[in-house]
Amino acid sequence: MQWNVVVSLVVTVVVAGTGYGATYLTNLRLARRKDHLDRVNRQLGDLYGPLYAQSEAVNRAWRKFVARHGSGPSRDTLGD
């Protein structure tokens, strides 16, 4: 074989191997990032889901209280 053919084959194999390695590492990093993001989203949902439900329940209870008893205490009745 001639040297230029050998060199071109070696360069082709090295470039292909480097491209495969870079693609593999990038996909691995993206998969880890996606797993981390899914975990954080799950944790936020576990925290803010019940917190939102509690906030809605308190707001509904307050609106019913105000509807039944008026607008609540005024500044005059609080002694300010």
N, C-alpha and C. Protein backbone atom coordinates (compact mmCIF):
# COMPACT_ATOMS: atom_id res chain seq x y z
N MET A 1 0.84 -1.18 0.00
CA MET A 1 0.00 0.00 0.00
C MET A 1 0.88 1.24 0.00
N GLN A 2 0.32 2.27 -0.52
CA GLN A 2 1.05 3.52 -0.55
C GLN A 2 0.80 4.28 0.76
N TRP A 3 1.73 5.14 1.12
CA TRP A 3 1.64 5.87 2.38
C TRP A 3 0.44 6.80 2.42
N ASN A 4 0.13 7.42 1.32
CA ASN A 4 -1.00 8.36 1.33
C ASN A 4 -2.33 7.63 1.56
N VAL A 5 -2.45 6.39 1.09
CA VAL A 5 -3.65 5.59 1.33
C VAL A 5 -3.72 5.19 2.80
N VAL A 6 -2.60 4.76 3.36
CA VAL A 6 -2.56 4.37 4.77
C VAL A 6 -2.87 5.56 5.67
N VAL A 7 -2.28 6.68 5.37
CA VAL A 7 -2.51 7.88 6.18
C VAL A 7 -3.97 8.30 6.10
N SER A 8 -4.54 8.27 4.91
CA SER A 8 -5.94 8.67 4.78
C SER A 8 -6.86 7.69 5.51
N LEU A 9 -6.56 6.40 5.49
CA LEU A 9 -7.36 5.42 6.23
C LEU A 9 -7.25 5.64 7.74
N VAL A 10 -6.03 5.88 8.21
CA VAL A 10 -5.82 6.12 9.64
C VAL A 10 -6.55 7.38 10.08
N VAL A 11 -6.43 8.43 9.30
CA VAL A 11 -7.11 9.69 9.65
C VAL A 11 -8.62 9.48 9.66
N THR A 12 -9.14 8.75 8.70
CA THR A 12 -10.58 8.48 8.64
C THR A 12 -11.04 7.71 9.87
N VAL A 13 -10.30 6.69 10.25
CA VAL A 13 -10.66 5.89 11.43
C VAL A 13 -10.57 6.73 12.70
N VAL A 14 -9.55 7.55 12.83
CA VAL A 14 -9.39 8.40 14.02
C VAL A 14 -10.52 9.42 14.11
N VAL A 15 -10.85 10.05 12.99
CA VAL A 15 -11.94 11.04 12.99
C VAL A 15 -13.27 10.37 13.32
N ALA A 16 -13.52 9.22 12.75
CA ALA A 16 -14.77 8.50 13.03
C ALA A 16 -14.83 8.08 14.50
N GLY A 17 -13.72 7.58 15.03
CA GLY A 17 -13.69 7.18 16.43
C GLY A 17 -13.87 8.35 17.37
N THR A 18 -13.25 9.47 17.06
CA THR A 18 -13.40 10.68 17.86
C THR A 18 -14.84 11.18 17.82
N GLY A 19 -15.43 11.15 16.65
CA GLY A 19 -16.83 11.57 16.52
C GLY A 19 -17.76 10.67 17.30
N TYR A 20 -17.52 9.37 17.24
CA TYR A 20 -18.35 8.43 18.01
C TYR A 20 -18.19 8.68 19.50
N GLY A 21 -16.95 8.87 19.95
CA GLY A 21 -16.70 9.12 21.37
C GLY A 21 -17.35 10.40 21.84
N ALA A 22 -17.24 11.46 21.04
CA ALA A 22 -17.85 12.73 21.41
C ALA A 22 -19.37 12.62 21.47
N THR A 23 -19.94 11.91 20.52
CA THR A 23 -21.39 11.72 20.51
C THR A 23 -21.84 10.92 21.72
N TYR A 24 -21.11 9.88 22.06
CA TYR A 24 -21.44 9.06 23.21
C TYR A 24 -21.39 9.88 24.50
N LEU A 25 -20.32 10.66 24.68
CA LEU A 25 -20.19 11.46 25.90
C LEU A 25 -21.25 12.54 25.98
N THR A 26 -21.57 13.14 24.86
CA THR A 26 -22.62 14.17 24.85
C THR A 26 -23.97 13.57 25.20
N ASN A 27 -24.30 12.42 24.62
CA ASN A 27 -25.56 11.76 24.94
C ASN A 27 -25.61 11.33 26.40
N LEU A 28 -24.49 10.87 26.94
CA LEU A 28 -24.44 10.48 28.35
C LEU A 28 -24.68 11.70 29.24
N ARG A 29 -24.05 12.81 28.92
CA ARG A 29 -24.22 14.04 29.71
C ARG A 29 -25.66 14.54 29.63
N LEU A 30 -26.25 14.49 28.44
CA LEU A 30 -27.64 14.92 28.28
C LEU A 30 -28.61 14.01 29.04
N ALA A 31 -28.34 12.72 29.04
CA ALA A 31 -29.20 11.79 29.78
C ALA A 31 -29.12 12.06 31.28
N ARG A 32 -27.92 12.33 31.76
CA ARG A 32 -27.76 12.64 33.19
C ARG A 32 -28.47 13.94 33.54
N ARG A 33 -28.34 14.94 32.68
CA ARG A 33 -29.00 16.21 32.92
C ARG A 33 -30.52 16.04 32.91
N LYS A 34 -31.04 15.24 31.99
CA LYS A 34 -32.48 15.00 31.93
C LYS A 34 -32.96 14.27 33.18
N ASP A 35 -32.20 13.27 33.63
CA ASP A 35 -32.56 12.57 34.86
C ASP A 35 -32.58 13.51 36.05
N HIS A 36 -31.59 14.39 36.13
CA HIS A 36 -31.53 15.35 37.23
C HIS A 36 -32.71 16.31 37.17
N LEU A 37 -33.03 16.80 35.97
CA LEU A 37 -34.15 17.72 35.81
C LEU A 37 -35.47 17.04 36.16
N ASP A 38 -35.65 15.79 35.76
CA ASP A 38 -36.86 15.05 36.12
C ASP A 38 -36.98 14.90 37.63
N ARG A 39 -35.86 14.64 38.29
CA ARG A 39 -35.86 14.49 39.75
C ARG A 39 -36.24 15.80 40.43
N VAL A 40 -35.67 16.91 39.97
CA VAL A 40 -35.99 18.21 40.55
C VAL A 40 -37.45 18.56 40.31
N ASN A 41 -37.95 18.30 39.11
CA ASN A 41 -39.37 18.57 38.82
C ASN A 41 -40.29 17.74 39.70
N ARG A 42 -39.92 16.49 39.92
CA ARG A 42 -40.71 15.61 40.79
C ARG A 42 -40.70 16.15 42.23
N GLN A 43 -39.55 16.59 42.70
CA GLN A 43 -39.45 17.14 44.05
C GLN A 43 -40.28 18.42 44.17
N LEU A 44 -40.22 19.28 43.16
CA LEU A 44 -41.01 20.51 43.20
C LEU A 44 -42.50 20.21 43.19
N GLY A 45 -42.90 19.22 42.40
CA GLY A 45 -44.30 18.83 42.38
C GLY A 45 -44.76 18.27 43.71
N ASP A 46 -43.88 17.50 44.35
CA ASP A 46 -44.22 16.94 45.67
C ASP A 46 -44.34 18.03 46.72
N LEU A 47 -43.58 19.12 46.58
CA LEU A 47 -43.66 20.21 47.53
C LEU A 47 -44.81 21.14 47.21
N TYR A 48 -44.86 21.64 45.99
CA TYR A 48 -45.81 22.69 45.66
C TYR A 48 -47.20 22.17 45.34
N GLY A 49 -47.34 20.90 45.01
CA GLY A 49 -48.68 20.35 44.78
C GLY A 49 -49.54 20.44 46.03
N PRO A 50 -49.11 19.85 47.15
CA PRO A 50 -49.88 19.97 48.39
C PRO A 50 -49.97 21.41 48.90
N LEU A 51 -48.92 22.18 48.72
CA LEU A 51 -48.94 23.58 49.15
C LEU A 51 -49.99 24.37 48.38
N TYR A 52 -50.10 24.13 47.09
CA TYR A 52 -51.12 24.81 46.28
C TYR A 52 -52.52 24.37 46.71
N ALA A 53 -52.69 23.08 46.96
CA ALA A 53 -54.01 22.58 47.39
C ALA A 53 -54.40 23.22 48.73
N GLN A 54 -53.46 23.33 49.64
CA GLN A 54 -53.75 23.94 50.94
C GLN A 54 -54.10 25.42 50.76
N SER A 55 -53.36 26.11 49.92
CA SER A 55 -53.63 27.53 49.68
C SER A 55 -55.02 27.72 49.08
N GLU A 56 -55.39 26.87 48.15
CA GLU A 56 -56.74 26.97 47.56
C GLU A 56 -57.81 26.69 48.60
N ALA A 57 -57.60 25.71 49.46
CA ALA A 57 -58.58 25.40 50.50
C ALA A 57 -58.74 26.57 51.46
N VAL A 58 -57.65 27.19 51.86
CA VAL A 58 -57.71 28.34 52.76
C VAL A 58 -58.42 29.51 52.09
N ASN A 59 -58.12 29.76 50.81
CA ASN A 59 -58.78 30.86 50.10
C ASN A 59 -60.28 30.62 49.97
N ARG A 60 -60.69 29.41 49.69
CA ARG A 60 -62.12 29.11 49.59
C ARG A 60 -62.81 29.27 50.93
N ALA A 61 -62.15 28.79 51.98
CA ALA A 61 -62.73 28.93 53.31
C ALA A 61 -62.87 30.41 53.68
N TRP A 62 -61.85 31.22 53.36
CA TRP A 62 -61.92 32.65 53.66
C TRP A 62 -63.05 33.33 52.89
N ARG A 63 -63.18 32.98 51.60
CA ARG A 63 -64.27 33.58 50.81
C ARG A 63 -65.64 33.21 51.37
N LYS A 64 -65.80 31.97 51.82
CA LYS A 64 -67.08 31.56 52.43
C LYS A 64 -67.31 32.30 53.74
N PHE A 65 -66.25 32.47 54.52
CA PHE A 65 -66.36 33.19 55.78
C PHE A 65 -66.78 34.64 55.54
N VAL A 66 -66.13 35.28 54.57
CA VAL A 66 -66.46 36.67 54.27
C VAL A 66 -67.88 36.77 53.74
N ALA A 67 -68.30 35.83 52.90
CA ALA A 67 -69.66 35.85 52.37
C ALA A 67 -70.70 35.68 53.48
N ARG A 68 -70.36 34.88 54.47
CA ARG A 68 -71.31 34.61 55.55
C ARG A 68 -71.29 35.71 56.62
N HIS A 69 -70.15 36.27 56.93
CA HIS A 69 -70.02 37.18 58.07
C HIS A 69 -69.65 38.61 57.68
N GLY A 70 -69.62 38.92 56.44
CA GLY A 70 -69.26 40.27 56.04
C GLY A 70 -67.81 40.34 55.61
N SER A 71 -67.30 41.55 55.55
CA SER A 71 -65.95 41.73 55.03
C SER A 71 -64.87 41.52 56.07
N GLY A 72 -65.21 41.06 57.24
CA GLY A 72 -64.20 40.83 58.27
C GLY A 72 -64.11 42.02 59.19
N PRO A 73 -63.24 41.96 60.16
CA PRO A 73 -63.15 43.05 61.14
C PRO A 73 -62.60 44.32 60.50
N SER A 74 -63.14 45.44 60.95
CA SER A 74 -62.64 46.72 60.44
C SER A 74 -61.55 47.23 61.38
N ARG A 75 -60.92 48.30 60.99
CA ARG A 75 -59.85 48.87 61.84
C ARG A 75 -60.46 49.42 63.15
N ASP A 76 -61.68 49.89 63.10
CA ASP A 76 -62.30 50.46 64.30
C ASP A 76 -62.51 49.39 65.37
N THR A 77 -62.88 48.18 64.95
CA THR A 77 -63.15 47.14 65.94
C THR A 77 -61.86 46.49 66.45
N LEU A 78 -60.75 46.72 65.77
CA LEU A 78 -59.48 46.14 66.22
C LEU A 78 -58.80 47.01 67.26
N GLY A 79 -59.27 48.23 67.47
CA GLY A 79 -58.70 49.09 68.49
C GLY A 79 -57.47 49.84 68.04
N ASP A 80 -57.30 50.06 66.77
CA ASP A 80 -56.13 50.82 66.27
C ASP A 80 -56.34 52.28 66.40
